[in-house]
């Protein structure tokens, strides 16, 4: 306890901030490892993962800020303890640099984990040019919808389809997807040319 009493005001700030943020960091890691509450919450507290479409995750999340405070506090305390009284300002700079490095590591780790997740959403633009089999007859000249089946994007799919062909497309006929429109595919006979 004598050591704690001998700390300066700045060292006290580093120490208590380090204790609190480290406890929160340990709790977050435990929740992430042992429960379904490991999702990252953004700073504004709306409860959603703060996702940037380009990077996959926001820089300012609860986990990254907690890592910044925990690592920065301990680095600042260590520097403050080792430095002379005239160089106490150096501990603030080192604390910020160490915290920023910890924050970057956490963000990169979360981005890496996000890349491992599989998105089950249908990417219709990747269907163009693929072959499919007519499952329910497709009426001619877009006068109605039929259905096609195919294996794409790692799964078996059944999709609505229309055609511009002058004759209906019969069941079990092989077709090619030429485009996608809203929730429907546009197909043609395999050997027909698109006008």
Protein backbone atom coordinates (compact mmCIF):
# COMPACT_ATOMS: atom_id res chain seq x y z
CA UNK A 1 0.00 0.00 0.00
CA UNK A 2 2.96 2.30 0.52
CA UNK A 3 3.69 2.11 -3.21
CA UNK A 4 0.12 3.20 -4.02
CA UNK A 5 0.35 6.14 -1.64
CA UNK A 6 3.62 7.24 -3.18
CA UNK A 7 2.13 7.60 -6.69
CA UNK A 8 1.71 11.05 -8.23
CA UNK A 9 -1.65 12.31 -9.45
CA UNK A 10 -0.84 11.31 -13.05
CA UNK A 11 0.30 7.86 -11.92
CA UNK A 12 -2.93 7.45 -9.93
CA UNK A 13 -4.94 8.29 -13.06
CA UNK A 14 -2.99 5.75 -15.12
CA UNK A 15 -3.28 3.08 -12.40
CA UNK A 16 -7.03 3.31 -11.80
CA UNK A 17 -7.85 3.75 -15.49
CA UNK A 18 -5.69 0.72 -16.23
CA UNK A 19 -7.42 -1.39 -13.55
CA UNK A 20 -10.95 -0.50 -14.70
CA UNK A 21 -10.27 -0.83 -18.44
CA UNK A 22 -8.39 -4.13 -17.97
CA UNK A 23 -11.34 -5.58 -16.03
CA UNK A 24 -13.70 -4.51 -18.84
CA UNK A 25 -11.34 -5.97 -21.44
CA UNK A 26 -11.22 -9.31 -19.60
CA UNK A 27 -15.02 -9.36 -19.35
CA UNK A 28 -15.35 -8.63 -23.09
CA UNK A 29 -12.91 -11.39 -23.99
CA UNK A 30 -14.72 -13.86 -21.71
CA UNK A 31 -18.10 -12.96 -23.22
CA UNK A 32 -16.69 -13.24 -26.73
CA UNK A 33 -15.21 -16.68 -26.02
CA UNK A 34 -17.93 -18.27 -23.91
CA UNK A 35 -21.24 -16.79 -24.99
CA UNK A 36 -23.23 -15.29 -27.82
CA UNK A 37 -22.68 -11.74 -26.48
CA UNK A 38 -19.40 -11.31 -28.30
CA UNK A 39 -20.78 -8.98 -30.97
CA UNK A 40 -19.12 -5.61 -31.10
CA UNK A 41 -21.21 -2.58 -30.19
CA UNK A 42 -20.42 0.79 -31.67
CA UNK A 43 -19.71 3.89 -29.61
CA UNK A 44 -23.09 5.56 -30.10
CA UNK A 45 -24.70 2.61 -28.31
CA UNK A 46 -27.39 1.66 -30.83
CA UNK A 47 -26.53 -2.02 -30.29
CA UNK A 48 -25.51 -2.80 -33.86
CA UNK A 49 -22.15 -3.77 -35.23
CA UNK A 50 -20.74 -0.59 -36.73
CA UNK A 51 -19.78 -1.85 -40.16
CA UNK A 52 -18.01 0.07 -42.86
CA UNK A 53 -18.68 -1.58 -46.24
CA UNK A 54 -15.08 -1.09 -47.35
CA UNK A 55 -13.24 -2.16 -44.25
CA UNK A 56 -15.68 -4.51 -42.57
CA UNK A 57 -15.66 -2.88 -39.15
CA UNK A 58 -15.44 0.54 -37.54
CA UNK A 59 -12.31 1.72 -35.75
CA UNK A 60 -14.26 3.09 -32.78
CA UNK A 61 -15.88 0.10 -31.08
CA UNK A 62 -16.18 -0.77 -27.40
CA UNK A 63 -13.47 -3.44 -27.73
CA UNK A 64 -10.98 -1.17 -29.51
CA UNK A 65 -11.52 1.76 -27.12
CA UNK A 66 -11.19 -0.55 -24.11
CA UNK A 67 -7.93 -1.94 -25.54
CA UNK A 68 -6.70 1.62 -26.14
CA UNK A 69 -7.40 2.61 -22.51
CA UNK A 70 -6.01 -0.60 -20.96
CA UNK A 71 -2.73 -0.77 -22.88
CA UNK A 72 -2.27 3.00 -22.94
CA UNK A 73 -2.80 3.30 -19.17
CA UNK A 74 -0.29 0.60 -18.29
CA UNK A 75 2.29 1.94 -20.76
CA UNK A 76 1.79 5.44 -19.37
CA UNK A 77 2.15 4.24 -15.78
CA UNK A 78 5.33 2.34 -16.58
CA UNK A 79 6.84 5.32 -18.41
CA UNK A 80 5.73 7.73 -15.69
CA UNK A 81 7.31 5.56 -12.99
CA UNK A 82 10.62 5.21 -14.85
CA UNK A 83 10.88 8.82 -16.07
CA UNK A 84 12.07 11.74 -14.00
CA UNK A 85 9.63 14.41 -12.82
CA UNK A 86 10.65 16.71 -15.69
CA UNK A 87 9.77 14.09 -18.32
CA UNK A 88 6.26 13.18 -17.10
CA UNK A 89 4.76 14.63 -20.30
CA UNK A 90 6.60 11.88 -22.22
CA UNK A 91 4.39 9.28 -20.51
CA UNK A 92 1.28 10.83 -22.07
CA UNK A 93 2.76 10.56 -25.58
CA UNK A 94 3.88 6.97 -25.00
CA UNK A 95 0.46 6.09 -23.53
CA UNK A 96 -1.30 7.45 -26.63
CA UNK A 97 1.06 5.63 -29.02
CA UNK A 98 0.75 2.32 -27.14
CA UNK A 99 -3.02 2.66 -26.90
CA UNK A 100 -3.32 3.46 -30.61
CA UNK A 101 -1.20 0.40 -31.44
CA UNK A 102 -3.46 -1.80 -29.27
CA UNK A 103 -6.53 -0.29 -30.91
CA UNK A 104 -5.11 -1.04 -34.37
CA UNK A 105 -4.37 -4.65 -33.42
CA UNK A 106 -7.94 -5.15 -32.14
CA UNK A 107 -9.46 -3.60 -35.29
CA UNK A 108 -7.27 -5.76 -37.55
CA UNK A 109 -8.20 -8.88 -35.54
CA UNK A 110 -11.93 -8.12 -35.80
CA UNK A 111 -11.60 -7.43 -39.55
CA UNK A 112 -9.83 -10.77 -39.94
CA UNK A 113 -12.64 -12.56 -38.10
CA UNK A 114 -15.28 -10.77 -40.19
CA UNK A 115 -13.62 -12.06 -43.38
CA UNK A 116 -14.04 -15.62 -42.09
CA UNK A 117 -17.81 -15.19 -41.84
CA UNK A 118 -19.94 -16.44 -44.71
CA UNK A 119 -22.57 -14.16 -46.14
CA UNK A 120 -25.59 -16.23 -47.19
CA UNK A 121 -27.11 -13.47 -49.31
CA UNK A 122 -27.71 -14.24 -52.97
CA UNK A 123 -25.39 -12.31 -55.28
CA UNK A 124 -27.59 -12.18 -58.36
CA UNK A 125 -25.01 -10.49 -60.59
CA UNK A 126 -22.83 -13.61 -60.32
CA UNK A 127 -25.62 -15.77 -61.75
CA UNK A 128 -25.43 -14.20 -65.23
CA UNK A 129 -24.00 -16.69 -67.74
CA UNK A 130 -24.74 -19.75 -65.58
CA UNK A 131 -26.66 -22.76 -66.83
CA UNK A 132 -29.86 -23.90 -65.11
CA UNK A 133 -32.64 -26.44 -65.52
CA UNK A 134 -36.29 -25.47 -65.97
CA UNK A 135 -38.23 -26.78 -62.97
CA UNK A 136 -41.63 -25.20 -63.73
CA UNK A 137 -42.37 -24.38 -67.39
CA UNK A 138 -41.62 -20.76 -68.30
CA UNK A 139 -44.29 -19.03 -70.47
CA UNK A 140 -43.13 -17.31 -73.67
CA UNK A 141 -42.48 -13.57 -74.14
CA UNK A 142 -42.58 -12.74 -70.43
CA UNK A 143 -46.27 -13.62 -70.22
CA UNK A 144 -45.72 -15.33 -66.88
CA UNK A 145 -43.16 -16.78 -64.53
CA UNK A 146 -41.71 -20.22 -64.23
CA UNK A 147 -38.95 -21.65 -62.08
CA UNK A 148 -35.38 -22.79 -62.63
CA UNK A 149 -33.00 -24.78 -60.45
CA UNK A 150 -29.21 -24.61 -60.30
CA UNK A 151 -26.21 -25.02 -58.03
CA UNK A 152 -24.56 -21.67 -57.41
CA UNK A 153 -22.65 -19.91 -54.65
CA UNK A 154 -22.22 -23.19 -52.81
CA UNK A 155 -25.90 -24.13 -52.58
CA UNK A 156 -28.83 -25.53 -54.53
CA UNK A 157 -31.26 -22.77 -55.60
CA UNK A 158 -34.75 -22.52 -56.99
CA UNK A 159 -35.43 -19.15 -58.63
CA UNK A 160 -38.30 -17.47 -60.47
CA UNK A 161 -37.62 -16.99 -64.17
CA UNK A 162 -39.05 -15.29 -67.27
CA UNK A 163 -37.96 -15.49 -70.89
CA UNK A 164 -38.07 -13.36 -74.04
CA UNK A 165 -38.28 -16.49 -76.24
CA UNK A 166 -41.29 -16.81 -78.56
CA UNK A 167 -41.97 -20.37 -77.34
CA UNK A 168 -42.38 -21.53 -73.77
CA UNK A 169 -39.47 -23.27 -72.09
CA UNK A 170 -40.42 -26.82 -71.08
CA UNK A 171 -39.62 -28.64 -67.84
CA UNK A 172 -36.10 -30.16 -67.71
CA UNK A 173 -34.88 -27.92 -70.54
CA UNK A 174 -31.39 -26.46 -70.04
CA UNK A 175 -31.30 -22.66 -70.09
CA UNK A 176 -28.78 -19.88 -69.59
CA UNK A 177 -29.31 -16.91 -67.26
CA UNK A 178 -28.84 -13.70 -69.25
CA UNK A 179 -29.78 -11.16 -66.57
CA UNK A 180 -31.51 -10.61 -63.26
CA UNK A 181 -34.31 -8.14 -62.72
CA UNK A 182 -35.61 -7.43 -59.22
CA UNK A 183 -36.41 -10.85 -57.74
CA UNK A 184 -36.51 -12.70 -61.06
CA UNK A 185 -34.00 -14.14 -63.54
CA UNK A 186 -34.25 -13.72 -67.30
CA UNK A 187 -33.27 -16.88 -69.18
CA UNK A 188 -32.91 -18.11 -72.77
CA UNK A 189 -32.59 -21.48 -74.42
CA UNK A 190 -29.04 -22.65 -74.29
CA UNK A 191 -28.46 -22.34 -78.05
CA UNK A 192 -30.59 -19.23 -78.71
CA UNK A 193 -28.96 -15.85 -79.31
CA UNK A 194 -30.09 -12.79 -77.42
CA UNK A 195 -31.66 -10.13 -79.60
